[in-house]
Structure formats: structure tokens, C-alpha cells
Amino acid sequence: MNTSKYTGDLLVALRLRDVPSERIGQIIAEVESHVADTGEDPQTAFGKAREYAKAVAPSRGDWTSPGMLVRIVWGAATGWALADGTISLILGEEAVFGIRAWIMLALGVLLAGVMIAVLSRDKDVVVDPRSGKPMTLATAPAIGVVLASLAGIAVIVALVLRFVE
């Protein structure tokens, strides 16, 4: 496995475990140093990124924490608004609660946009302890691009199907 792919997966796994950025930098630096010194594949040396993250950093987070519950509810509301708006627009019907389909779809896109902005915002930069430079991994922006693309595709498909009738 490619070292940068492994460290990217490891960074995500450590972030999900709510590990402080300073500690993440140390863990990733240790992995990179070991791989550079031995030439060994990171997955062979450390195992799967999630399992290694679990071994070196017991979770401080809890899926029942208020912050996580807000993310879960927000994600569910976003998915529901996008799905209901898209399906209602395709069928030519109003969305739930008598809301126009395009308004529900726009609400879903708005909720998705806010979620993307929050998830891609990285206030706590991971710094390489060896060089003092930020470790740049494009995980959060990639997630934002994927979510935005999916929302855009849903809107386009719904509009095309609605007006092709």
C-alpha cells in the first residue's frame, strides 16, 4: 500500500477517534519514519489504518455525545430533504407538509452545503513534529467535492426528469 494513502486513512481514523492534532502528527511521523527506515509496507508493519488507530489511540469520542448527535440529525435531515425534494420534483407533487418540491430540494442543498462547510473546515491543523510544517492531506475537501457533486447531480436529474414528461 502507498504510504501517503495509508497515512491519509490513518489521519481520518484518528480524527474519527477524536485524537488531538499534536498526537496525530506524532503517530503519522512515526509511521512515515518506520517506512522510510525499513522500506516495509505500512499495512504490513502496522496493520489496517483503523485497527492501528484503535491500538494507539483509544477513542475519546462517543457517538452519543451532543456534537455527534447533532451531526447525525443534521445528516439525516439533509438526506431526507434531498430525497423528498428530488422524488417530489420527479413525480410532480408537493413535498411533505405541502412544501413545493423545488423548495424542499433547495433546502436539502442548503443543508448539504452547510454540512460540507462544517466538515471541510479544519481549525486544528496536524503539524509534522519533525519539520514543524502542516501535514497536507486532501481528505476533507475531497468529501466536500463528493457531497456537492452528489447534490448537484440529484438536482439535475430531478429537473430533467420533471421537464421531460
Protein backbone atom coordinates (compact mmCIF):
# COMPACT_ATOMS: atom_id res chain seq x y z
CA MET A 1 0.00 0.00 0.00
CA ASN A 2 1.14 3.51 -0.80
CA THR A 3 2.47 5.32 2.31
CA SER A 4 0.54 8.54 1.64
CA LYS A 5 -2.69 6.56 1.14
CA TYR A 6 -2.08 4.73 4.41
CA THR A 7 -1.27 7.90 6.36
CA GLY A 8 -4.34 9.60 4.86
CA ASP A 9 -6.52 6.70 6.01
CA LEU A 10 -4.79 6.78 9.39
CA LEU A 11 -5.39 10.52 9.75
CA VAL A 12 -9.10 10.05 9.08
CA ALA A 13 -9.29 7.12 11.52
CA LEU A 14 -7.53 9.15 14.23
CA ARG A 15 -9.75 12.18 13.60
CA LEU A 16 -12.82 9.98 13.99
CA ARG A 17 -11.41 8.81 17.31
CA ASP A 18 -11.14 12.48 18.40
CA VAL A 19 -7.36 12.34 18.81
CA PRO A 20 -5.67 15.73 19.34
CA SER A 21 -3.84 17.08 16.28
CA GLU A 22 -0.47 17.12 18.02
CA ARG A 23 -0.74 13.40 18.78
CA ILE A 24 -1.93 12.65 15.22
CA GLY A 25 1.18 14.37 13.87
CA GLN A 26 3.39 12.24 16.14
CA ILE A 27 1.68 8.99 15.12
CA ILE A 28 1.88 9.75 11.40
CA ALA A 29 5.52 10.84 11.72
CA GLU A 30 6.34 7.55 13.48
CA VAL A 31 4.69 5.57 10.67
CA GLU A 32 6.46 7.54 7.95
CA SER A 33 9.83 7.25 9.70
CA HIS A 34 9.45 3.49 10.15
CA VAL A 35 8.51 3.01 6.50
CA ALA A 36 11.40 5.22 5.34
CA ASP A 37 13.91 3.38 7.55
CA THR A 38 12.78 -0.18 6.80
CA GLY A 39 11.17 0.07 3.37
CA GLU A 40 8.39 -2.06 4.79
CA ASP A 41 4.81 -1.63 3.58
CA PRO A 42 2.88 0.38 6.21
CA GLN A 43 -0.07 -2.01 6.22
CA THR A 44 2.28 -4.97 6.72
CA ALA A 45 4.09 -3.19 9.54
CA PHE A 46 1.13 -1.65 11.36
CA GLY A 47 -1.97 -3.43 10.11
CA LYS A 48 -5.06 -1.72 8.77
CA ALA A 49 -5.18 2.02 9.47
CA ARG A 50 -8.39 1.77 11.52
CA GLU A 51 -7.04 -1.05 13.66
CA TYR A 52 -3.75 0.76 14.22
CA ALA A 53 -5.61 3.94 15.18
CA LYS A 54 -7.65 1.93 17.65
CA ALA A 55 -4.48 0.40 19.13
CA VAL A 56 -2.50 3.64 19.53
CA ALA A 57 -5.32 5.98 20.48
CA PRO A 58 -8.29 4.70 22.44
CA SER A 59 -11.37 6.65 21.48
CA ARG A 60 -12.13 9.79 23.43
CA GLY A 61 -15.25 10.43 21.41
CA ASP A 62 -18.62 8.81 21.81
CA TRP A 63 -21.28 8.57 19.14
CA THR A 64 -23.84 9.60 21.77
CA SER A 65 -22.05 12.87 22.53
CA PRO A 66 -24.11 16.01 21.80
CA GLY A 67 -21.84 17.04 18.91
CA MET A 68 -22.12 13.66 17.22
CA LEU A 69 -25.88 13.54 17.73
CA VAL A 70 -26.21 16.95 16.07
CA ARG A 71 -24.18 15.67 13.09
CA ILE A 72 -26.34 12.55 12.82
CA VAL A 73 -29.61 14.51 12.95
CA TRP A 74 -28.27 17.13 10.52
CA GLY A 75 -27.14 14.41 8.10
CA ALA A 76 -30.48 12.64 8.32
CA ALA A 77 -32.39 15.90 7.72
CA THR A 78 -30.14 16.70 4.76
CA GLY A 79 -30.64 13.28 3.17
CA TRP A 80 -34.38 13.39 3.79
CA ALA A 81 -34.79 16.88 2.30
CA LEU A 82 -32.71 15.97 -0.77
CA ALA A 83 -34.57 12.69 -1.31
CA ASP A 84 -38.04 14.11 -0.68
CA GLY A 85 -37.39 17.16 -2.84
CA THR A 86 -35.94 15.08 -5.68
CA ILE A 87 -38.69 12.45 -5.66
CA SER A 88 -41.44 15.05 -5.34
CA LEU A 89 -39.99 17.04 -8.22
CA ILE A 90 -39.79 13.92 -10.39
CA LEU A 91 -43.38 12.95 -9.56
CA GLY A 92 -44.65 16.50 -9.96
CA GLU A 93 -46.09 16.53 -6.46
CA GLU A 94 -45.62 18.68 -3.41
CA ALA A 95 -43.13 17.56 -0.80
CA VAL A 96 -44.23 16.74 2.74
CA PHE A 97 -46.07 19.39 4.73
CA GLY A 98 -47.33 20.86 1.43
CA ILE A 99 -43.96 22.44 0.65
CA ARG A 100 -43.15 22.87 -3.03
CA ALA A 101 -40.74 20.24 -4.28
CA TRP A 102 -38.11 22.68 -5.52
CA ILE A 103 -38.12 24.48 -2.16
CA MET A 104 -37.53 21.17 -0.35
CA LEU A 105 -34.75 20.32 -2.79
CA ALA A 106 -33.18 23.75 -2.29
CA LEU A 107 -33.40 23.25 1.47
CA GLY A 108 -31.61 19.92 1.10
CA VAL A 109 -28.87 21.51 -0.99
CA LEU A 110 -28.54 24.32 1.57
CA LEU A 111 -28.30 21.83 4.45
CA ALA A 112 -25.72 19.82 2.47
CA GLY A 113 -23.72 22.97 1.80
CA VAL A 114 -23.63 23.88 5.47
CA MET A 115 -22.59 20.33 6.34
CA ILE A 116 -19.81 20.42 3.74
CA ALA A 117 -18.57 23.76 5.06
CA VAL A 118 -18.51 22.48 8.64
CA LEU A 119 -16.87 19.15 7.79
CA SER A 120 -14.25 20.63 5.49
CA ARG A 121 -13.26 23.35 7.95
CA ASP A 122 -10.08 22.27 9.66
CA LYS A 123 -9.29 24.58 12.56
CA ASP A 124 -6.94 22.13 14.19
CA VAL A 125 -4.07 21.63 11.74
CA VAL A 126 -1.94 18.50 12.05
CA VAL A 127 1.72 19.53 12.21
CA ASP A 128 4.67 17.29 11.39
CA PRO A 129 6.74 17.24 14.61
CA ARG A 130 9.95 16.66 12.60
CA SER A 131 9.66 19.76 10.41
CA GLY A 132 7.02 21.92 12.09
CA LYS A 133 5.18 22.14 8.77
CA PRO A 134 1.49 21.34 8.37
CA MET A 135 0.75 17.88 7.03
CA THR A 136 -1.43 18.40 3.99
CA LEU A 137 -3.97 15.72 3.30
CA ALA A 138 -6.87 16.48 0.98
CA THR A 139 -9.45 14.33 2.77
CA ALA A 140 -11.93 16.98 3.91
CA PRO A 141 -12.05 18.91 0.62
CA ALA A 142 -12.50 15.62 -1.24
CA ILE A 143 -15.51 14.77 0.93
CA GLY A 144 -16.96 18.22 0.22
CA VAL A 145 -16.50 17.81 -3.52
CA VAL A 146 -18.18 14.40 -3.48
CA LEU A 147 -21.15 15.61 -1.43
CA ALA A 148 -21.57 18.74 -3.53
CA SER A 149 -21.38 16.69 -6.73
CA LEU A 150 -24.00 14.24 -5.49
CA ALA A 151 -26.35 17.06 -4.50
CA GLY A 152 -25.84 18.74 -7.87
CA ILE A 153 -26.47 15.50 -9.76
CA ALA A 154 -29.67 14.92 -7.79
CA VAL A 155 -30.92 18.39 -8.70
CA ILE A 156 -30.07 17.99 -12.39
CA VAL A 157 -31.63 14.52 -12.66
CA ALA A 158 -34.78 15.69 -10.89
CA LEU A 159 -35.15 18.73 -13.14
CA VAL A 160 -34.51 16.76 -16.33
CA LEU A 161 -36.98 14.04 -15.38
CA ARG A 162 -39.58 16.59 -14.36
CA PHE A 163 -39.48 18.58 -17.55
CA VAL A 164 -39.02 15.65 -19.98
CA GLU A 165 -42.51 14.30 -19.25
